[in-house]
Amino acid sequence: MKESYYSIYNNICIINFAYYENDVLYYPDLIKVGVSLSNGEIYSLEAEDFLTNHTSRSEFDFENKKSAQISKNVEIISEKNA
């Protein structure tokens, strides 16, 4: 699991962790953890998406897939496998 993003609301930090394997983040497999900013205690845990969606996945050829779908008129300035 790798922290993918977070948000802060009402003194609670919600951290979203995505399954990470072979330099690929699998966003459907999120686990969300709420942490109190005042005392550091776990406030909430949501793992339904991970429990529902997580499965073994085969290798994906990102290079061949990207070149087929991106217009030649687009300049790619950064990329990340997800």
PDB file of N, CA and C in Angstrom:
ATOM      1  N   MET A   1       0.852  -1.178   0.000  1.00  0.00           N
ATOM      2  CA  MET A   1       0.000   0.000   0.000  1.00  0.00           C
ATOM      3  C   MET A   1       0.895   1.238   0.000  1.00  0.00           C
ATOM      4  N   LYS A   2       0.395   2.261  -0.693  1.00  0.00           N
ATOM      5  CA  LYS A   2       1.140   3.507  -0.787  1.00  0.00           C
ATOM      6  C   LYS A   2       0.165   4.666  -0.636  1.00  0.00           C
ATOM      7  N   GLU A   3       0.566   5.671   0.138  1.00  0.00           N
ATOM      8  CA  GLU A   3      -0.286   6.848   0.316  1.00  0.00           C
ATOM      9  C   GLU A   3      -0.412   7.547  -1.026  1.00  0.00           C
ATOM     10  N   SER A   4      -1.660   7.767  -1.454  1.00  0.00           N
ATOM     11  CA  SER A   4      -1.863   8.390  -2.753  1.00  0.00           C
ATOM     12  C   SER A   4      -2.287   9.857  -2.633  1.00  0.00           C
ATOM     13  N   TYR A   5      -3.092  10.177  -1.642  1.00  0.00           N
ATOM     14  CA  TYR A   5      -3.484  11.561  -1.391  1.00  0.00           C
ATOM     15  C   TYR A   5      -4.157  11.649  -0.027  1.00  0.00           C
ATOM     16  N   TYR A   6      -4.364  12.859   0.445  1.00  0.00           N
ATOM     17  CA  TYR A   6      -5.026  13.053   1.734  1.00  0.00           C
ATOM     18  C   TYR A   6      -5.841  14.335   1.704  1.00  0.00           C
ATOM     19  N   SER A   7      -6.762  14.449   2.664  1.00  0.00           N
ATOM     20  CA  SER A   7      -7.526  15.674   2.831  1.00  0.00           C
ATOM     21  C   SER A   7      -7.714  15.908   4.326  1.00  0.00           C
ATOM     22  N   ILE A   8      -7.876  17.165   4.689  1.00  0.00           N
ATOM     23  CA  ILE A   8      -8.069  17.535   6.100  1.00  0.00           C
ATOM     24  C   ILE A   8      -9.392  18.283   6.210  1.00  0.00           C
ATOM     25  N   TYR A   9     -10.219  17.827   7.149  1.00  0.00           N
ATOM     26  CA  TYR A   9     -11.512  18.452   7.375  1.00  0.00           C
ATOM     27  C   TYR A   9     -11.887  18.252   8.839  1.00  0.00           C
ATOM     28  N   ASN A  10     -12.286  19.320   9.514  1.00  0.00           N
ATOM     29  CA  ASN A  10     -12.691  19.263  10.927  1.00  0.00           C
ATOM     30  C   ASN A  10     -11.655  18.582  11.810  1.00  0.00           C
ATOM     31  N   ASN A  11     -10.386  18.933  11.620  1.00  0.00           N
ATOM     32  CA  ASN A  11      -9.290  18.427  12.442  1.00  0.00           C
ATOM     33  C   ASN A  11      -9.065  16.920  12.288  1.00  0.00           C
ATOM     34  N   ILE A  12      -9.559  16.339  11.195  1.00  0.00           N
ATOM     35  CA  ILE A  12      -9.342  14.928  10.876  1.00  0.00           C
ATOM     36  C   ILE A  12      -8.622  14.863   9.525  1.00  0.00           C
ATOM     37  N   CYS A  13      -7.525  14.122   9.481  1.00  0.00           N
ATOM     38  CA  CYS A  13      -6.804  13.912   8.230  1.00  0.00           C
ATOM     39  C   CYS A  13      -7.225  12.551   7.673  1.00  0.00           C
ATOM     40  N   ILE A  14      -7.826  12.553   6.491  1.00  0.00           N
ATOM     41  CA  ILE A  14      -8.216  11.319   5.816  1.00  0.00           C
ATOM     42  C   ILE A  14      -7.112  10.996   4.812  1.00  0.00           C
ATOM     43  N   ILE A  15      -6.423   9.886   5.039  1.00  0.00           N
ATOM     44  CA  ILE A  15      -5.323   9.463   4.174  1.00  0.00           C
ATOM     45  C   ILE A  15      -5.811   8.293   3.331  1.00  0.00           C
ATOM     46  N   ASN A  16      -5.614   8.399   2.033  1.00  0.00           N
ATOM     47  CA  ASN A  16      -6.038   7.362   1.094  1.00  0.00           C
ATOM     48  C   ASN A  16      -4.821   6.558   0.656  1.00  0.00           C
ATOM     49  N   PHE A  17      -4.873   5.260   0.909  1.00  0.00           N
ATOM     50  CA  PHE A  17      -3.804   4.353   0.522  1.00  0.00           C
ATOM     51  C   PHE A  17      -4.303   3.489  -0.629  1.00  0.00           C
ATOM     52  N   ALA A  18      -3.500   3.378  -1.682  1.00  0.00           N
ATOM     53  CA  ALA A  18      -3.847   2.542  -2.828  1.00  0.00           C
ATOM     54  C   ALA A  18      -2.876   1.366  -2.896  1.00  0.00           C
ATOM     55  N   TYR A  19      -3.385   0.242  -3.360  1.00  0.00           N
ATOM     56  CA  TYR A  19      -2.530  -0.921  -3.558  1.00  0.00           C
ATOM     57  C   TYR A  19      -1.478  -0.566  -4.591  1.00  0.00           C
ATOM     58  N   TYR A  20      -0.233  -0.961  -4.351  1.00  0.00           N
ATOM     59  CA  TYR A  20       0.894  -0.593  -5.195  1.00  0.00           C
ATOM     60  C   TYR A  20       1.713  -1.836  -5.499  1.00  0.00           C
ATOM     61  N   GLU A  21       1.906  -2.111  -6.797  1.00  0.00           N
ATOM     62  CA  GLU A  21       2.699  -3.262  -7.197  1.00  0.00           C
ATOM     63  C   GLU A  21       3.332  -2.984  -8.557  1.00  0.00           C
ATOM     64  N   ASN A  22       4.614  -3.292  -8.693  1.00  0.00           N
ATOM     65  CA  ASN A  22       5.347  -3.114  -9.962  1.00  0.00           C
ATOM     66  C   ASN A  22       5.213  -1.697 -10.510  1.00  0.00           C
ATOM     67  N   ASP A  23       5.377  -0.701  -9.648  1.00  0.00           N
ATOM     68  CA  ASP A  23       5.298   0.719 -10.037  1.00  0.00           C
ATOM     69  C   ASP A  23       3.935   1.134 -10.562  1.00  0.00           C
ATOM     70  N   VAL A  24       2.872   0.436 -10.174  1.00  0.00           N
ATOM     71  CA  VAL A  24       1.509   0.768 -10.589  1.00  0.00           C
ATOM     72  C   VAL A  24       0.647   0.953  -9.348  1.00  0.00           C
ATOM     73  N   LEU A  25      -0.081   2.086  -9.288  1.00  0.00           N
ATOM     74  CA  LEU A  25      -1.057   2.324  -8.222  1.00  0.00           C
ATOM     75  C   LEU A  25      -2.420   1.843  -8.705  1.00  0.00           C
ATOM     76  N   TYR A  26      -3.090   1.048  -7.888  1.00  0.00           N
ATOM     77  CA  TYR A  26      -4.423   0.532  -8.222  1.00  0.00           C
ATOM     78  C   TYR A  26      -5.450   1.287  -7.383  1.00  0.00           C
ATOM     79  N   TYR A  27      -5.973   2.379  -7.935  1.00  0.00           N
ATOM     80  CA  TYR A  27      -6.902   3.228  -7.200  1.00  0.00           C
ATOM     81  C   TYR A  27      -8.211   2.544  -6.805  1.00  0.00           C
ATOM     82  N   PRO A  28      -8.714   1.560  -7.543  1.00  0.00           N
ATOM     83  CA  PRO A  28      -9.938   0.903  -7.077  1.00  0.00           C
ATOM     84  C   PRO A  28      -9.748   0.167  -5.746  1.00  0.00           C
ATOM     85  N   ASP A  29      -8.500  -0.128  -5.381  1.00  0.00           N
ATOM     86  CA  ASP A  29      -8.204  -0.868  -4.153  1.00  0.00           C
ATOM     87  C   ASP A  29      -7.840   0.070  -3.000  1.00  0.00           C
ATOM     88  N   LEU A  30      -8.604   1.134  -2.817  1.00  0.00           N
ATOM     89  CA  LEU A  30      -8.292   2.127  -1.782  1.00  0.00           C
ATOM     90  C   LEU A  30      -8.652   1.663  -0.378  1.00  0.00           C
ATOM     91  N   ILE A  31      -7.824   2.077   0.568  1.00  0.00           N
ATOM     92  CA  ILE A  31      -8.143   2.007   1.994  1.00  0.00           C
ATOM     93  C   ILE A  31      -8.010   3.430   2.517  1.00  0.00           C
ATOM     94  N   LYS A  32      -9.037   3.906   3.218  1.00  0.00           N
ATOM     95  CA  LYS A  32      -9.044   5.268   3.747  1.00  0.00           C
ATOM     96  C   LYS A  32      -8.951   5.213   5.266  1.00  0.00           C
ATOM     97  N   VAL A  33      -8.000   5.973   5.817  1.00  0.00           N
ATOM     98  CA  VAL A  33      -7.782   6.000   7.263  1.00  0.00           C
ATOM     99  C   VAL A  33      -7.934   7.437   7.736  1.00  0.00           C
ATOM    100  N   GLY A  34      -8.800   7.648   8.717  1.00  0.00           N
ATOM    101  CA  GLY A  34      -8.979   8.962   9.317  1.00  0.00           C
ATOM    102  C   GLY A  34      -8.194   9.047  10.612  1.00  0.00           C
ATOM    103  N   VAL A  35      -7.356  10.080  10.736  1.00  0.00           N
ATOM    104  CA  VAL A  35      -6.508  10.259  11.910  1.00  0.00           C
ATOM    105  C   VAL A  35      -6.807  11.616  12.524  1.00  0.00           C
ATOM    106  N   SER A  36      -7.046  11.627  13.826  1.00  0.00           N
ATOM    107  CA  SER A  36      -7.285  12.878  14.537  1.00  0.00           C
ATOM    108  C   SER A  36      -5.990  13.679  14.589  1.00  0.00           C
ATOM    109  N   LEU A  37      -6.048  14.947  14.203  1.00  0.00           N
ATOM    110  CA  LEU A  37      -4.862  15.798  14.254  1.00  0.00           C
ATOM    111  C   LEU A  37      -4.581  16.304  15.661  1.00  0.00           C
ATOM    112  N   SER A  38      -5.548  16.198  16.561  1.00  0.00           N
ATOM    113  CA  SER A  38      -5.334  16.685  17.917  1.00  0.00           C
ATOM    114  C   SER A  38      -4.609  15.674  18.803  1.00  0.00           C
ATOM    115  N   ASN A  39      -4.855  14.356  18.589  1.00  0.00           N
ATOM    116  CA  ASN A  39      -4.204  13.376  19.462  1.00  0.00           C
ATOM    117  C   ASN A  39      -3.594  12.178  18.717  1.00  0.00           C
ATOM    118  N   GLY A  40      -3.726  12.133  17.396  1.00  0.00           N
ATOM    119  CA  GLY A  40      -3.114  11.081  16.598  1.00  0.00           C
ATOM    120  C   GLY A  40      -3.854   9.753  16.593  1.00  0.00           C
ATOM    121  N   GLU A  41      -5.022   9.696  17.224  1.00  0.00           N
ATOM    122  CA  GLU A  41      -5.779   8.451  17.264  1.00  0.00           C
ATOM    123  C   GLU A  41      -6.490   8.184  15.935  1.00  0.00           C
ATOM    124  N   ILE A  42      -6.673   6.898  15.639  1.00  0.00           N
ATOM    125  CA  ILE A  42      -7.423   6.511  14.455  1.00  0.00           C
ATOM    126  C   ILE A  42      -8.890   6.852  14.691  1.00  0.00           C
ATOM    127  N   TYR A  43      -9.451   7.625  13.781  1.00  0.00           N
ATOM    128  CA  TYR A  43     -10.832   8.079  13.892  1.00  0.00           C
ATOM    129  C   TYR A  43     -11.757   7.211  13.050  1.00  0.00           C
ATOM    130  N   SER A  44     -11.267   6.779  11.873  1.00  0.00           N
ATOM    131  CA  SER A  44     -12.096   5.971  10.985  1.00  0.00           C
ATOM    132  C   SER A  44     -11.217   5.090  10.102  1.00  0.00           C
ATOM    133  N   LEU A  45     -11.826   4.033   9.595  1.00  0.00           N
ATOM    134  CA  LEU A  45     -11.161   3.130   8.656  1.00  0.00           C
ATOM    135  C   LEU A  45     -12.202   2.642   7.668  1.00  0.00           C
ATOM    136  N   GLU A  46     -11.908   2.807   6.378  1.00  0.00           N
ATOM    137  CA  GLU A  46     -12.816   2.335   5.345  1.00  0.00           C
ATOM    138  C   GLU A  46     -12.023   1.450   4.388  1.00  0.00           C
ATOM    139  N   ALA A  47     -12.354   0.162   4.351  1.00  0.00           N
ATOM    140  CA  ALA A  47     -11.615  -0.788   3.521  1.00  0.00           C
ATOM    141  C   ALA A  47     -12.523  -1.555   2.564  1.00  0.00           C
ATOM    142  N   GLU A  48     -13.771  -1.127   2.428  1.00  0.00           N
ATOM    143  CA  GLU A  48     -14.721  -1.846   1.573  1.00  0.00           C
ATOM    144  C   GLU A  48     -14.235  -1.932   0.123  1.00  0.00           C
ATOM    145  N   ASP A  49     -13.698  -0.826  -0.415  1.00  0.00           N
ATOM    146  CA  ASP A  49     -13.216  -0.838  -1.807  1.00  0.00           C
ATOM    147  C   ASP A  49     -12.092  -1.849  -1.991  1.00  0.00           C
ATOM    148  N   PHE A  50     -11.180  -1.895  -1.029  1.00  0.00           N
ATOM    149  CA  PHE A  50     -10.077  -2.860  -1.121  1.00  0.00           C
ATOM    150  C   PHE A  50     -10.607  -4.286  -1.049  1.00  0.00           C
ATOM    151  N   LEU A  51     -11.485  -4.545  -0.104  1.00  0.00           N
ATOM    152  CA  LEU A  51     -12.011  -5.898   0.064  1.00  0.00           C
ATOM    153  C   LEU A  51     -12.842  -6.338  -1.140  1.00  0.00           C
ATOM    154  N   THR A  52     -13.521  -5.394  -1.771  1.00  0.00           N
ATOM    155  CA  THR A  52     -14.363  -5.707  -2.919  1.00  0.00           C
ATOM    156  C   THR A  52     -13.561  -5.865  -4.214  1.00  0.00           C
ATOM    157  N   ASN A  53     -12.576  -4.997  -4.425  1.00  0.00           N
ATOM    158  CA  ASN A  53     -11.903  -4.915  -5.724  1.00  0.00           C
ATOM    159  C   ASN A  53     -10.552  -5.601  -5.818  1.00  0.00           C
ATOM    160  N   HIS A  54      -9.898  -5.836  -4.681  1.00  0.00           N
ATOM    161  CA  HIS A  54      -8.531  -6.348  -4.757  1.00  0.00           C
ATOM    162  C   HIS A  54      -8.502  -7.784  -5.273  1.00  0.00           C
ATOM    163  N   THR A  55      -7.660  -7.990  -6.284  1.00  0.00           N
ATOM    164  CA  THR A  55      -7.491  -9.308  -6.880  1.00  0.00           C
ATOM    165  C   THR A  55      -6.111  -9.360  -7.518  1.00  0.00           C
ATOM    166  N   SER A  56      -5.632 -10.532  -7.816  1.00  0.00           N
ATOM    167  CA  SER A  56      -4.369 -10.649  -8.551  1.00  0.00           C
ATOM    168  C   SER A  56      -4.586 -10.128  -9.965  1.00  0.00           C
ATOM    169  N   ARG A  57      -3.642  -9.363 -10.454  1.00  0.00           N
ATOM    170  CA  ARG A  57      -3.758  -8.781 -11.787  1.00  0.00           C
ATOM    171  C   ARG A  57      -2.554  -9.187 -12.625  1.00  0.00           C
ATOM    172  N   SER A  58      -2.787  -9.336 -13.912  1.00  0.00           N
ATOM    173  CA  SER A  58      -1.689  -9.685 -14.805  1.00  0.00           C
ATOM    174  C   SER A  58      -0.925  -8.414 -15.178  1.00  0.00           C
ATOM    175  N   GLU A  59       0.287  -8.599 -15.658  1.00  0.00           N
ATOM    176  CA  GLU A  59       1.098  -7.463 -16.108  1.00  0.00           C
ATOM    177  C   GLU A  59       0.388  -6.745 -17.249  1.00  0.00           C
ATOM    178  N   PHE A  60       0.523  -5.435 -17.285  1.00  0.00           N
ATOM    179  CA  PHE A  60      -0.118  -4.623 -18.315  1.00  0.00           C
ATOM    180  C   PHE A  60       0.970  -3.875 -19.075  1.00  0.00           C
ATOM    181  N   ASP A  61       0.900  -3.880 -20.380  1.00  0.00           N
ATOM    182  CA  ASP A  61       1.887  -3.202 -21.221  1.00  0.00           C
ATOM    183  C   ASP A  61       1.445  -1.756 -21.430  1.00  0.00           C
ATOM    184  N   PHE A  62       1.881  -0.869 -20.537  1.00  0.00           N
ATOM    185  CA  PHE A  62       1.461   0.530 -20.595  1.00  0.00           C
ATOM    186  C   PHE A  62       1.986   1.244 -21.834  1.00  0.00           C
ATOM    187  N   GLU A  63       3.195   0.926 -22.264  1.00  0.00           N
ATOM    188  CA  GLU A  63       3.784   1.623 -23.411  1.00  0.00           C
ATOM    189  C   GLU A  63       2.951   1.426 -24.671  1.00  0.00           C
ATOM    190  N   ASN A  64       2.565   0.207 -24.982  1.00  0.00           N
ATOM    191  CA  ASN A  64       1.767  -0.041 -26.182  1.00  0.00           C
ATOM    192  C   ASN A  64       0.377   0.567 -26.069  1.00  0.00           C
ATOM    193  N   LYS A  65      -0.226   0.523 -24.896  1.00  0.00           N
ATOM    194  CA  LYS A  65      -1.571   1.064 -24.693  1.00  0.00           C
ATOM    195  C   LYS A  65      -1.569   2.589 -24.813  1.00  0.00           C
ATOM    196  N   LYS A  66      -0.561   3.256 -24.239  1.00  0.00           N
ATOM    197  CA  LYS A  66      -0.497   4.712 -24.291  1.00  0.00           C
ATOM    198  C   LYS A  66      -0.361   5.226 -25.714  1.00  0.00           C
ATOM    199  N   SER A  67       0.523   4.633 -26.482  1.00  0.00           N
ATOM    200  CA  SER A  67       0.761   5.140 -27.831  1.00  0.00           C
ATOM    201  C   SER A  67      -0.472   4.987 -28.720  1.00  0.00           C
ATOM    202  N   ALA A  68      -1.318   4.032 -28.430  1.00  0.00           N
ATOM    203  CA  ALA A  68      -2.507   3.813 -29.254  1.00  0.00           C
ATOM    204  C   ALA A  68      -3.615   4.817 -28.942  1.00  0.00           C
ATOM    205  N   GLN A  69      -3.620   5.423 -27.754  1.00  0.00           N
ATOM    206  CA  GLN A  69      -4.744   6.259 -27.351  1.00  0.00           C
ATOM    207  C   GLN A  69      -4.442   7.751 -27.246  1.00  0.00           C
ATOM    208  N   ILE A  70      -3.202   8.150 -27.310  1.00  0.00           N
ATOM    209  CA  ILE A  70      -2.858   9.558 -27.128  1.00  0.00           C
ATOM    210  C   ILE A  70      -2.552  10.189 -28.480  1.00  0.00           C
ATOM    211  N   SER A  71      -3.183  11.322 -28.728  1.00  0.00           N
ATOM    212  CA  SER A  71      -2.970  12.041 -29.976  1.00  0.00           C
ATOM    213  C   SER A  71      -1.510  12.467 -30.100  1.00  0.00           C
ATOM    214  N   LYS A  72      -1.018  12.479 -31.312  1.00  0.00           N
ATOM    215  CA  LYS A  72       0.354  12.920 -31.566  1.00  0.00           C
ATOM    216  C   LYS A  72       0.493  14.437 -31.356  1.00  0.00           C
ATOM    217  N   ASN A  73      -0.635  15.153 -31.256  1.00  0.00           N
ATOM    218  CA  ASN A  73      -0.622  16.601 -31.028  1.00  0.00           C
ATOM    219  C   ASN A  73      -0.491  16.966 -29.551  1.00  0.00           C
ATOM    220  N   VAL A  74      -0.486  15.964 -28.668  1.00  0.00           N
ATOM    221  CA  VAL A  74      -0.412  16.193 -27.228  1.00  0.00           C
ATOM    222  C   VAL A  74       1.028  16.010 -26.769  1.00  0.00           C
ATOM    223  N   GLU A  75       1.520  16.977 -25.995  1.00  0.00           N
ATOM    224  CA  GLU A  75       2.857  16.863 -25.421  1.00  0.00           C
ATOM    225  C   GLU A  75       2.726  16.331 -23.992  1.00  0.00           C
ATOM    226  N   ILE A  76       3.330  15.197 -23.726  1.00  0.00           N
ATOM    227  CA  ILE A  76       3.287  14.605 -22.388  1.00  0.00           C
ATOM    228  C   ILE A  76       4.412  15.213 -21.569  1.00  0.00           C
ATOM    229  N   ILE A  77       4.058  15.854 -20.444  1.00  0.00           N
ATOM    230  CA  ILE A  77       5.085  16.482 -19.612  1.00  0.00           C
ATOM    231  C   ILE A  77       5.419  15.661 -18.372  1.00  0.00           C
ATOM    232  N   SER A  78       4.526  14.749 -17.977  1.00  0.00           N
ATOM    233  CA  SER A  78       4.813  13.814 -16.891  1.00  0.00           C
ATOM    234  C   SER A  78       3.853  12.643 -17.005  1.00  0.00           C
ATOM    235  N   GLU A  79       4.214  11.531 -16.396  1.00  0.00           N
ATOM    236  CA  GLU A  79       3.349  10.363 -16.448  1.00  0.00           C
ATOM    237  C   GLU A  79       3.560   9.498 -15.212  1.00  0.00           C
ATOM    238  N   LYS A  80       2.513   8.706 -14.911  1.00  0.00           N
ATOM    239  CA  LYS A  80       2.532   7.813 -13.768  1.00  0.00           C
ATOM    240  C   LYS A  80       1.580   6.659 -14.083  1.00  0.00           C
ATOM    241  N   ASN A  81       2.000   5.460 -13.795  1.00  0.00           N
ATOM    242  CA  ASN A  81       1.130   4.296 -14.044  1.00  0.00           C
ATOM    243  C   ASN A  81       0.116   4.163 -12.924  1.00  0.00           C
ATOM    244  N   ALA A  82      -1.158   4.119 -13.275  1.00  0.00           N
ATOM    245  CA  ALA A  82      -2.221   3.949 -12.279  1.00  0.00           C
ATOM    246  C   ALA A  82      -3.352   3.173 -12.885  1.00  0.00           C
TER     247      ALA A  82
END
